[in-house]
Each structure stands twice: as C-alpha cells, then as structure tokens.
Amino acid sequence: MAGSATPADLIVESIAHFPGCCLDDLVRVCPELTWNQIFLVVDQLSRGPVTCDWP
C-alpha cells in the first residue's frame, strides 16, 4: 500500500486479504505497526460501523 496509508487502512486491507486472521497474524502481516497500534485500530473498528469506498 502507498506510504500515506494509515494504520487502519493497512489493517482493513490485511483483513480483507486474510479473513479470520487473529491479532498475531496481523502483527506478522503488518511489521511496520506495533502490536499496540494494531490492537487500538481493531478495537476502534469493532466498536463502530465500517465503511469501505472500494471501487
């Protein structure tokens, strides 16, 4: 993904490619993010609706 991608962008894209993955899988797939960053984004995403503007 582009250098301007947010942690949420990276995580949502990873989950789209690997449905059913766990936090440890996301840590391996997104090495540029810390476990804490991944947990925070997943927690935020789980609390509200997710919208995607994919073509």
C-alpha atoms as a PDB file:
ATOM      1  CA  MET A   1       0.000   0.000   0.000  1.00  0.00           C
ATOM      2  CA  ALA A   2       1.119   3.590  -0.512  1.00  0.00           C
ATOM      3  CA  GLY A   3       3.292   5.372   2.052  1.00  0.00           C
ATOM      4  CA  SER A   4       0.384   7.605   3.052  1.00  0.00           C
ATOM      5  CA  ALA A   5      -1.733   4.680   4.246  1.00  0.00           C
ATOM      6  CA  THR A   6      -2.997   4.930   7.805  1.00  0.00           C
ATOM      7  CA  PRO A   7      -2.687   2.027  10.246  1.00  0.00           C
ATOM      8  CA  ALA A   8      -6.439   1.469   9.829  1.00  0.00           C
ATOM      9  CA  ASP A   9      -6.013   1.282   6.034  1.00  0.00           C
ATOM     10  CA  LEU A  10      -3.274  -1.327   6.381  1.00  0.00           C
ATOM     11  CA  ILE A  11      -5.256  -3.415   8.843  1.00  0.00           C
ATOM     12  CA  VAL A  12      -8.522  -3.310   6.894  1.00  0.00           C
ATOM     13  CA  GLU A  13      -6.681  -4.307   3.719  1.00  0.00           C
ATOM     14  CA  SER A  14      -4.922  -7.143   5.545  1.00  0.00           C
ATOM     15  CA  ILE A  15      -8.186  -8.430   6.999  1.00  0.00           C
ATOM     16  CA  ALA A  16      -9.767  -8.290   3.533  1.00  0.00           C
ATOM     17  CA  HIS A  17      -6.923 -10.454   2.196  1.00  0.00           C
ATOM     18  CA  PHE A  18      -6.849 -12.809   5.194  1.00  0.00           C
ATOM     19  CA  PRO A  19     -10.385 -13.124   6.622  1.00  0.00           C
ATOM     20  CA  GLY A  20     -10.483 -14.737  10.024  1.00  0.00           C
ATOM     21  CA  CYS A  21      -6.932 -13.743  10.914  1.00  0.00           C
ATOM     22  CA  CYS A  22      -6.040 -13.101  14.558  1.00  0.00           C
ATOM     23  CA  LEU A  23      -4.041 -10.268  16.138  1.00  0.00           C
ATOM     24  CA  ASP A  24      -0.811 -12.263  15.939  1.00  0.00           C
ATOM     25  CA  ASP A  25      -1.384 -12.778  12.212  1.00  0.00           C
ATOM     26  CA  LEU A  26      -1.849  -9.027  11.753  1.00  0.00           C
ATOM     27  CA  VAL A  27       1.411  -8.379  13.621  1.00  0.00           C
ATOM     28  CA  ARG A  28       3.216 -10.630  11.128  1.00  0.00           C
ATOM     29  CA  VAL A  29       1.438  -9.162   8.074  1.00  0.00           C
ATOM     30  CA  CYS A  30       1.932  -5.519   9.184  1.00  0.00           C
ATOM     31  CA  PRO A  31       5.506  -5.430  10.562  1.00  0.00           C
ATOM     32  CA  GLU A  32       5.575  -1.629  10.293  1.00  0.00           C
ATOM     33  CA  LEU A  33       2.923  -1.430  13.051  1.00  0.00           C
ATOM     34  CA  THR A  34       3.338  -2.288  16.711  1.00  0.00           C
ATOM     35  CA  TRP A  35       1.069  -4.743  18.488  1.00  0.00           C
ATOM     36  CA  ASN A  36      -0.403  -1.799  20.415  1.00  0.00           C
ATOM     37  CA  GLN A  37      -1.227   0.110  17.204  1.00  0.00           C
ATOM     38  CA  ILE A  38      -2.913  -2.951  15.740  1.00  0.00           C
ATOM     39  CA  PHE A  39      -4.895  -3.617  18.909  1.00  0.00           C
ATOM     40  CA  LEU A  40      -6.063   0.009  19.099  1.00  0.00           C
ATOM     41  CA  VAL A  41      -7.281   0.039  15.493  1.00  0.00           C
ATOM     42  CA  VAL A  42      -9.003  -3.354  15.774  1.00  0.00           C
ATOM     43  CA  ASP A  43     -10.680  -2.191  18.987  1.00  0.00           C
ATOM     44  CA  GLN A  44     -11.875   1.016  17.323  1.00  0.00           C
ATOM     45  CA  LEU A  45     -13.128  -0.847  14.255  1.00  0.00           C
ATOM     46  CA  SER A  46     -15.018  -3.324  16.414  1.00  0.00           C
ATOM     47  CA  ARG A  47     -16.929  -0.531  18.166  1.00  0.00           C
ATOM     48  CA  GLY A  48     -18.477   1.087  15.115  1.00  0.00           C
ATOM     49  CA  PRO A  49     -19.656   0.540  11.595  1.00  0.00           C
ATOM     50  CA  VAL A  50     -17.010   0.024   8.969  1.00  0.00           C
ATOM     51  CA  THR A  51     -17.457   1.668   5.604  1.00  0.00           C
ATOM     52  CA  CYS A  52     -15.361   0.909   2.564  1.00  0.00           C
ATOM     53  CA  ASP A  53     -15.055   3.040  -0.531  1.00  0.00           C
ATOM     54  CA  TRP A  54     -13.520   0.352  -2.692  1.00  0.00           C
ATOM     55  CA  PRO A  55     -14.107   0.511  -6.429  1.00  0.00           C
END
